[in-house]
Amino acid sequence: MNMQRSPSRGAGRRPRVVIGADCLDRLEALAERAIQRNPDLADRLLGEIGRARIVPAAKLPPNVVAIGRTVTYRDETTGQETSVTPVYPEDADIARGRISILTPVGVALIGLAEGASLHWDTRDGKRRVLTVLHVAPEDASERLKPR
């Protein structure tokens, strides 16, 4: 049964978002730089950051979507399951399933835990519901350089 709460702001509960403190500054900077070219997406990312619980990197739960962690999600409209790894824009490679955090699906997924469902808007303006099925730990070989 796919009954969803109203998508209007402030109505209904959105899933909790948890973000590691180690990537907070970089995510904010990316959103600020994106305001000129994609204000809606930048606003969504800043909104997610603003409502997120920020935790030390070592305390980020292993079942939460983060930069470098592969996530499998289901599009509830189509039933299609997809696995992607959110990365910073310069590391994006769609052929390898590495999606930029500065995409609608990247912003929708960041900080969500397994089992969470969220409304998101596609690039063509359609509203979809995503459900996070599984989050895999960051692969050490794919680890991004520490700051």
N, C-alpha and C. Protein backbone atom coordinates (compact mmCIF):
# COMPACT_ATOMS: atom_id res chain seq x y z
N MET A 1 0.85 -1.18 0.00
CA MET A 1 0.00 0.00 0.00
C MET A 1 0.89 1.23 0.00
N ASN A 2 0.69 2.12 -0.96
CA ASN A 2 1.58 3.26 -1.12
C ASN A 2 0.88 4.58 -0.80
N MET A 3 0.17 4.65 0.29
CA MET A 3 -0.45 5.92 0.67
C MET A 3 0.62 6.80 1.28
N GLN A 4 0.76 7.99 0.74
CA GLN A 4 1.80 8.90 1.20
C GLN A 4 1.16 10.14 1.81
N ARG A 5 1.88 10.72 2.74
CA ARG A 5 1.40 11.97 3.34
C ARG A 5 1.50 13.10 2.33
N SER A 6 0.79 14.15 2.60
CA SER A 6 0.80 15.32 1.73
C SER A 6 2.23 15.84 1.59
N PRO A 7 2.64 16.20 0.36
CA PRO A 7 3.99 16.68 0.15
C PRO A 7 4.19 18.14 0.53
N SER A 8 3.12 18.85 0.97
CA SER A 8 3.29 20.26 1.28
C SER A 8 4.26 20.44 2.45
N ARG A 9 4.98 21.53 2.39
CA ARG A 9 5.99 21.79 3.42
C ARG A 9 5.33 21.93 4.78
N GLY A 10 5.94 21.30 5.76
CA GLY A 10 5.43 21.41 7.12
C GLY A 10 4.35 20.39 7.42
N ALA A 11 3.75 19.82 6.41
CA ALA A 11 2.71 18.82 6.63
C ALA A 11 3.33 17.44 6.51
N GLY A 12 2.93 16.54 7.36
CA GLY A 12 3.50 15.20 7.31
C GLY A 12 4.91 15.19 7.87
N ARG A 13 5.39 13.99 8.16
CA ARG A 13 6.74 13.87 8.71
C ARG A 13 7.67 13.38 7.63
N ARG A 14 8.80 14.05 7.50
CA ARG A 14 9.83 13.57 6.59
C ARG A 14 10.76 12.68 7.38
N PRO A 15 11.41 11.73 6.71
CA PRO A 15 12.31 10.84 7.44
C PRO A 15 13.49 11.60 8.04
N ARG A 16 14.02 11.05 9.11
CA ARG A 16 15.17 11.67 9.76
C ARG A 16 16.37 11.66 8.83
N VAL A 17 17.19 12.68 8.95
CA VAL A 17 18.42 12.79 8.16
C VAL A 17 19.58 12.90 9.14
N VAL A 18 20.64 12.11 8.91
CA VAL A 18 21.84 12.14 9.74
C VAL A 18 23.02 12.34 8.80
N ILE A 19 23.84 13.33 9.11
CA ILE A 19 25.00 13.65 8.27
C ILE A 19 26.25 13.69 9.14
N GLY A 20 27.33 13.12 8.62
CA GLY A 20 28.61 13.15 9.33
C GLY A 20 29.21 14.54 9.30
N ALA A 21 29.73 14.97 10.44
CA ALA A 21 30.32 16.30 10.57
C ALA A 21 31.50 16.49 9.60
N ASP A 22 32.16 15.40 9.23
CA ASP A 22 33.32 15.50 8.36
C ASP A 22 32.99 16.00 6.95
N CYS A 23 31.75 15.86 6.50
CA CYS A 23 31.41 16.34 5.15
C CYS A 23 30.47 17.53 5.17
N LEU A 24 30.10 18.01 6.35
CA LEU A 24 29.14 19.11 6.46
C LEU A 24 29.60 20.37 5.74
N ASP A 25 30.82 20.84 6.01
CA ASP A 25 31.30 22.08 5.39
C ASP A 25 31.33 21.97 3.87
N ARG A 26 31.77 20.83 3.37
CA ARG A 26 31.86 20.66 1.93
C ARG A 26 30.48 20.62 1.29
N LEU A 27 29.52 19.96 1.92
CA LEU A 27 28.15 19.93 1.39
C LEU A 27 27.55 21.34 1.36
N GLU A 28 27.76 22.10 2.44
CA GLU A 28 27.25 23.47 2.47
C GLU A 28 27.88 24.32 1.37
N ALA A 29 29.19 24.18 1.18
CA ALA A 29 29.89 24.95 0.14
C ALA A 29 29.38 24.58 -1.25
N LEU A 30 29.15 23.29 -1.49
CA LEU A 30 28.62 22.85 -2.79
C LEU A 30 27.24 23.47 -3.03
N ALA A 31 26.40 23.44 -2.01
CA ALA A 31 25.05 24.01 -2.14
C ALA A 31 25.13 25.51 -2.41
N GLU A 32 25.99 26.21 -1.70
CA GLU A 32 26.13 27.65 -1.90
C GLU A 32 26.58 27.97 -3.32
N ARG A 33 27.54 27.20 -3.84
CA ARG A 33 28.03 27.43 -5.21
C ARG A 33 26.97 27.07 -6.25
N ALA A 34 26.07 26.16 -5.93
CA ALA A 34 25.05 25.72 -6.89
C ALA A 34 23.85 26.66 -6.95
N ILE A 35 23.76 27.61 -6.04
CA ILE A 35 22.59 28.49 -5.98
C ILE A 35 22.36 29.22 -7.30
N GLN A 36 23.42 29.69 -7.95
CA GLN A 36 23.26 30.42 -9.21
C GLN A 36 22.73 29.54 -10.33
N ARG A 37 23.29 28.33 -10.51
CA ARG A 37 22.90 27.50 -11.66
C ARG A 37 21.71 26.61 -11.39
N ASN A 38 21.46 26.24 -10.15
CA ASN A 38 20.33 25.35 -9.87
C ASN A 38 19.76 25.69 -8.48
N PRO A 39 19.05 26.82 -8.39
CA PRO A 39 18.59 27.28 -7.07
C PRO A 39 17.66 26.30 -6.35
N ASP A 40 16.77 25.60 -7.08
CA ASP A 40 15.85 24.67 -6.42
C ASP A 40 16.62 23.53 -5.76
N LEU A 41 17.56 22.95 -6.49
CA LEU A 41 18.34 21.84 -5.96
C LEU A 41 19.21 22.30 -4.79
N ALA A 42 19.83 23.48 -4.93
CA ALA A 42 20.65 24.02 -3.85
C ALA A 42 19.81 24.25 -2.59
N ASP A 43 18.60 24.78 -2.77
CA ASP A 43 17.71 25.00 -1.63
C ASP A 43 17.32 23.67 -0.97
N ARG A 44 17.07 22.64 -1.78
CA ARG A 44 16.72 21.33 -1.20
C ARG A 44 17.88 20.78 -0.39
N LEU A 45 19.12 20.89 -0.93
CA LEU A 45 20.28 20.38 -0.20
C LEU A 45 20.47 21.16 1.10
N LEU A 46 20.37 22.48 1.03
CA LEU A 46 20.50 23.28 2.26
C LEU A 46 19.40 22.95 3.26
N GLY A 47 18.19 22.68 2.76
CA GLY A 47 17.09 22.30 3.65
C GLY A 47 17.36 20.97 4.36
N GLU A 48 17.89 20.01 3.60
CA GLU A 48 18.22 18.70 4.21
C GLU A 48 19.33 18.87 5.25
N ILE A 49 20.34 19.67 4.92
CA ILE A 49 21.42 19.93 5.88
C ILE A 49 20.86 20.61 7.13
N GLY A 50 19.96 21.57 6.91
CA GLY A 50 19.40 22.33 8.02
C GLY A 50 18.58 21.49 8.99
N ARG A 51 17.93 20.44 8.49
CA ARG A 51 17.12 19.61 9.38
C ARG A 51 17.85 18.36 9.84
N ALA A 52 19.08 18.18 9.38
CA ALA A 52 19.85 16.98 9.71
C ALA A 52 20.38 17.02 11.14
N ARG A 53 20.53 15.82 11.69
CA ARG A 53 21.27 15.66 12.94
C ARG A 53 22.71 15.44 12.51
N ILE A 54 23.60 16.30 12.99
CA ILE A 54 25.01 16.22 12.61
C ILE A 54 25.74 15.42 13.69
N VAL A 55 26.47 14.40 13.26
CA VAL A 55 27.18 13.53 14.20
C VAL A 55 28.64 13.43 13.80
N PRO A 56 29.54 13.14 14.76
CA PRO A 56 30.93 12.90 14.39
C PRO A 56 30.99 11.73 13.39
N ALA A 57 31.93 11.79 12.46
CA ALA A 57 32.03 10.76 11.41
C ALA A 57 32.06 9.35 11.99
N ALA A 58 32.77 9.18 13.09
CA ALA A 58 32.89 7.85 13.70
C ALA A 58 31.56 7.35 14.27
N LYS A 59 30.61 8.26 14.50
CA LYS A 59 29.31 7.88 15.07
C LYS A 59 28.20 7.80 14.02
N LEU A 60 28.55 8.01 12.74
CA LEU A 60 27.54 7.91 11.70
C LEU A 60 27.11 6.45 11.58
N PRO A 61 25.81 6.17 11.81
CA PRO A 61 25.37 4.77 11.77
C PRO A 61 25.69 4.13 10.42
N PRO A 62 26.06 2.84 10.42
CA PRO A 62 26.44 2.17 9.17
C PRO A 62 25.29 2.00 8.18
N ASN A 63 24.05 2.15 8.64
CA ASN A 63 22.90 1.96 7.75
C ASN A 63 22.37 3.29 7.19
N VAL A 64 23.19 4.36 7.27
CA VAL A 64 22.78 5.68 6.79
C VAL A 64 23.53 6.02 5.50
N VAL A 65 22.80 6.54 4.51
CA VAL A 65 23.40 6.93 3.24
C VAL A 65 24.36 8.10 3.47
N ALA A 66 25.59 7.95 2.94
CA ALA A 66 26.60 8.99 3.06
C ALA A 66 27.48 8.97 1.82
N ILE A 67 28.28 10.00 1.66
CA ILE A 67 29.23 10.06 0.55
C ILE A 67 30.09 8.80 0.59
N GLY A 68 30.17 8.10 -0.54
CA GLY A 68 31.02 6.92 -0.66
C GLY A 68 30.39 5.60 -0.23
N ARG A 69 29.17 5.63 0.29
CA ARG A 69 28.48 4.39 0.69
C ARG A 69 27.46 4.02 -0.38
N THR A 70 27.53 2.78 -0.84
CA THR A 70 26.60 2.34 -1.87
C THR A 70 25.22 2.08 -1.25
N VAL A 71 24.20 2.62 -1.90
CA VAL A 71 22.84 2.48 -1.42
C VAL A 71 21.99 1.80 -2.49
N THR A 72 21.15 0.88 -2.06
CA THR A 72 20.16 0.28 -2.95
C THR A 72 18.80 0.83 -2.53
N TYR A 73 18.08 1.39 -3.50
CA TYR A 73 16.76 1.96 -3.21
C TYR A 73 15.76 1.47 -4.25
N ARG A 74 14.49 1.57 -3.87
CA ARG A 74 13.41 1.19 -4.76
C ARG A 74 12.58 2.43 -5.09
N ASP A 75 12.29 2.60 -6.38
CA ASP A 75 11.35 3.63 -6.83
C ASP A 75 9.97 3.01 -6.68
N GLU A 76 9.17 3.52 -5.75
CA GLU A 76 7.88 2.91 -5.45
C GLU A 76 6.88 3.04 -6.58
N THR A 77 7.10 3.96 -7.52
CA THR A 77 6.21 4.10 -8.66
C THR A 77 6.40 2.97 -9.65
N THR A 78 7.66 2.61 -9.90
CA THR A 78 7.97 1.60 -10.92
C THR A 78 8.34 0.25 -10.32
N GLY A 79 8.70 0.21 -9.03
CA GLY A 79 9.16 -1.01 -8.41
C GLY A 79 10.61 -1.32 -8.72
N GLN A 80 11.26 -0.48 -9.52
CA GLN A 80 12.64 -0.71 -9.92
C GLN A 80 13.60 -0.46 -8.76
N GLU A 81 14.53 -1.39 -8.59
CA GLU A 81 15.58 -1.24 -7.58
C GLU A 81 16.86 -0.82 -8.27
N THR A 82 17.56 0.14 -7.65
CA THR A 82 18.78 0.69 -8.21
C THR A 82 19.81 0.81 -7.11
N SER A 83 21.07 0.54 -7.46
CA SER A 83 22.18 0.75 -6.52
C SER A 83 23.08 1.85 -7.06
N VAL A 84 23.38 2.83 -6.22
CA VAL A 84 24.26 3.94 -6.59
C VAL A 84 25.15 4.28 -5.41
N THR A 85 26.22 4.99 -5.71
CA THR A 85 27.10 5.49 -4.66
C THR A 85 27.14 7.01 -4.77
N PRO A 86 26.59 7.74 -3.77
CA PRO A 86 26.69 9.20 -3.81
C PRO A 86 28.14 9.64 -3.61
N VAL A 87 28.57 10.57 -4.46
CA VAL A 87 29.94 11.09 -4.39
C VAL A 87 29.90 12.60 -4.62
N TYR A 88 31.03 13.25 -4.37
CA TYR A 88 31.14 14.66 -4.71
C TYR A 88 31.13 14.80 -6.22
N PRO A 89 30.70 15.97 -6.75
CA PRO A 89 30.52 16.13 -8.20
C PRO A 89 31.75 15.74 -9.04
N GLU A 90 32.93 16.06 -8.58
CA GLU A 90 34.12 15.76 -9.38
C GLU A 90 34.44 14.27 -9.46
N ASP A 91 33.82 13.45 -8.60
CA ASP A 91 34.04 12.01 -8.59
C ASP A 91 32.91 11.24 -9.26
N ALA A 92 31.90 11.96 -9.77
CA ALA A 92 30.74 11.31 -10.37
C ALA A 92 31.13 10.57 -11.64
N ASP A 93 30.55 9.38 -11.83
CA ASP A 93 30.78 8.56 -13.02
C ASP A 93 29.56 7.65 -13.13
N ILE A 94 28.58 8.09 -13.88
CA ILE A 94 27.31 7.38 -13.95
C ILE A 94 27.50 5.95 -14.46
N ALA A 95 28.47 5.72 -15.32
CA ALA A 95 28.72 4.37 -15.84
C ALA A 95 29.13 3.41 -14.72
N ARG A 96 29.73 3.95 -13.66
CA ARG A 96 30.14 3.14 -12.52
C ARG A 96 29.15 3.25 -11.36
N GLY A 97 28.01 3.91 -11.59
CA GLY A 97 27.00 4.04 -10.55
C GLY A 97 27.35 5.07 -9.49
N ARG A 98 28.28 5.96 -9.79
CA ARG A 98 28.71 6.99 -8.85
C ARG A 98 27.99 8.29 -9.20
N ILE A 99 26.95 8.63 -8.42
CA ILE A 99 26.13 9.80 -8.73
C ILE A 99 26.56 10.99 -7.88
N SER A 100 26.52 12.15 -8.49
CA SER A 100 26.85 13.38 -7.78
C SER A 100 25.81 13.64 -6.68
N ILE A 101 26.31 14.12 -5.56
CA ILE A 101 25.42 14.54 -4.48
C ILE A 101 24.56 15.71 -4.95
N LEU A 102 25.01 16.43 -5.99
CA LEU A 102 24.26 17.57 -6.53
C LEU A 102 23.33 17.15 -7.66
N THR A 103 22.60 16.04 -7.47
CA THR A 103 21.54 15.62 -8.36
C THR A 103 20.28 15.45 -7.51
N PRO A 104 19.11 15.50 -8.12
CA PRO A 104 17.89 15.34 -7.31
C PRO A 104 17.89 14.06 -6.48
N VAL A 105 18.32 12.93 -7.06
CA VAL A 105 18.31 11.69 -6.29
C VAL A 105 19.41 11.70 -5.23
N GLY A 106 20.54 12.33 -5.52
CA GLY A 106 21.62 12.43 -4.52
C GLY A 106 21.17 13.21 -3.30
N VAL A 107 20.51 14.33 -3.53
CA VAL A 107 19.99 15.14 -2.42
C VAL A 107 18.91 14.38 -1.67
N ALA A 108 18.05 13.67 -2.40
CA ALA A 108 16.96 12.92 -1.75
C ALA A 108 17.49 11.83 -0.83
N LEU A 109 18.58 11.17 -1.23
CA LEU A 109 19.07 10.02 -0.47
C LEU A 109 19.99 10.36 0.69
N ILE A 110 20.75 11.44 0.60
CA ILE A 110 21.79 11.71 1.60
C ILE A 110 21.20 11.76 3.02
N GLY A 111 21.82 11.01 3.91
CA GLY A 111 21.44 11.04 5.32
C GLY A 111 20.29 10.14 5.71
N LEU A 112 19.68 9.44 4.74
CA LEU A 112 18.55 8.56 5.07
C LEU A 112 19.05 7.21 5.56
N ALA A 113 18.29 6.60 6.45
CA ALA A 113 18.61 5.27 6.97
C ALA A 113 17.84 4.21 6.18
N GLU A 114 18.31 2.98 6.24
CA GLU A 114 17.60 1.87 5.62
C GLU A 114 16.16 1.86 6.11
N GLY A 115 15.23 1.62 5.19
CA GLY A 115 13.81 1.57 5.53
C GLY A 115 13.09 2.90 5.36
N ALA A 116 13.83 4.00 5.23
CA ALA A 116 13.19 5.31 5.08
C ALA A 116 12.62 5.48 3.68
N SER A 117 11.50 6.18 3.59
CA SER A 117 10.91 6.53 2.29
C SER A 117 10.81 8.04 2.22
N LEU A 118 10.98 8.56 1.00
CA LEU A 118 11.00 10.01 0.82
C LEU A 118 10.44 10.38 -0.53
N HIS A 119 9.66 11.47 -0.57
CA HIS A 119 9.23 12.05 -1.84
C HIS A 119 10.42 12.75 -2.46
N TRP A 120 10.55 12.65 -3.77
CA TRP A 120 11.55 13.45 -4.48
C TRP A 120 11.01 13.79 -5.84
N ASP A 121 11.54 14.87 -6.41
CA ASP A 121 11.09 15.33 -7.72
C ASP A 121 12.17 15.03 -8.74
N THR A 122 11.78 14.40 -9.84
CA THR A 122 12.72 14.07 -10.90
C THR A 122 13.07 15.35 -11.67
N ARG A 123 14.08 15.24 -12.54
CA ARG A 123 14.48 16.39 -13.35
C ARG A 123 13.35 16.86 -14.26
N ASP A 124 12.44 15.94 -14.63
CA ASP A 124 11.33 16.33 -15.51
C ASP A 124 10.07 16.71 -14.72
N GLY A 125 10.24 16.96 -13.42
CA GLY A 125 9.15 17.49 -12.61
C GLY A 125 8.17 16.47 -12.06
N LYS A 126 8.45 15.17 -12.23
CA LYS A 126 7.55 14.16 -11.68
C LYS A 126 7.89 13.88 -10.23
N ARG A 127 6.87 13.64 -9.42
CA ARG A 127 7.07 13.32 -8.01
C ARG A 127 7.12 11.81 -7.85
N ARG A 128 8.15 11.33 -7.18
CA ARG A 128 8.33 9.90 -6.94
C ARG A 128 8.54 9.66 -5.45
N VAL A 129 8.44 8.40 -5.06
CA VAL A 129 8.76 8.00 -3.69
C VAL A 129 9.89 6.98 -3.77
N LEU A 130 10.95 7.24 -3.02
CA LEU A 130 12.08 6.32 -2.94
C LEU A 130 12.08 5.67 -1.57
N THR A 131 12.43 4.39 -1.52
CA THR A 131 12.61 3.69 -0.26
C THR A 131 14.02 3.12 -0.23
N VAL A 132 14.76 3.46 0.83
CA VAL A 132 16.12 2.95 0.99
C VAL A 132 16.03 1.50 1.47
N LEU A 133 16.60 0.59 0.69
CA LEU A 133 16.54 -0.83 1.02
C LEU A 133 17.79 -1.30 1.76
N HIS A 134 18.97 -0.82 1.32
CA HIS A 134 20.22 -1.29 1.92
C HIS A 134 21.31 -0.26 1.72
N VAL A 135 22.15 -0.09 2.75
CA VAL A 135 23.32 0.77 2.66
C VAL A 135 24.54 -0.09 2.96
N ALA A 136 25.49 -0.11 2.03
CA ALA A 136 26.72 -0.87 2.21
C ALA A 136 27.80 0.05 2.75
N PRO A 137 28.69 -0.46 3.60
CA PRO A 137 29.76 0.38 4.12
C PRO A 137 30.65 0.87 2.98
N GLU A 138 31.31 1.98 3.24
CA GLU A 138 32.22 2.56 2.26
C GLU A 138 33.33 1.56 1.95
N ASP A 139 33.60 1.38 0.68
CA ASP A 139 34.67 0.49 0.24
C ASP A 139 35.99 1.21 0.45
N ALA A 140 36.91 0.61 1.17
CA ALA A 140 38.20 1.24 1.48
C ALA A 140 38.93 1.64 0.21
N SER A 141 38.79 0.88 -0.86
CA SER A 141 39.48 1.22 -2.11
C SER A 141 38.86 2.44 -2.77
N GLU A 142 37.62 2.75 -2.41
CA GLU A 142 36.93 3.91 -2.99
C GLU A 142 36.98 5.11 -2.06
N ARG A 143 37.58 4.98 -0.90
CA ARG A 143 37.57 6.03 0.10
C ARG A 143 38.12 7.33 -0.48
N LEU A 144 37.39 8.39 -0.25
CA LEU A 144 37.85 9.69 -0.72
C LEU A 144 38.89 10.22 0.25
N LYS A 145 39.78 11.01 -0.29
CA LYS A 145 40.88 11.51 0.54
C LYS A 145 40.36 12.29 1.74
N PRO A 146 40.93 12.05 2.93
CA PRO A 146 40.50 12.84 4.10
C PRO A 146 40.96 14.28 3.94
N ARG A 147 40.25 15.17 4.63
CA ARG A 147 40.59 16.59 4.54
C ARG A 147 41.88 16.87 5.29
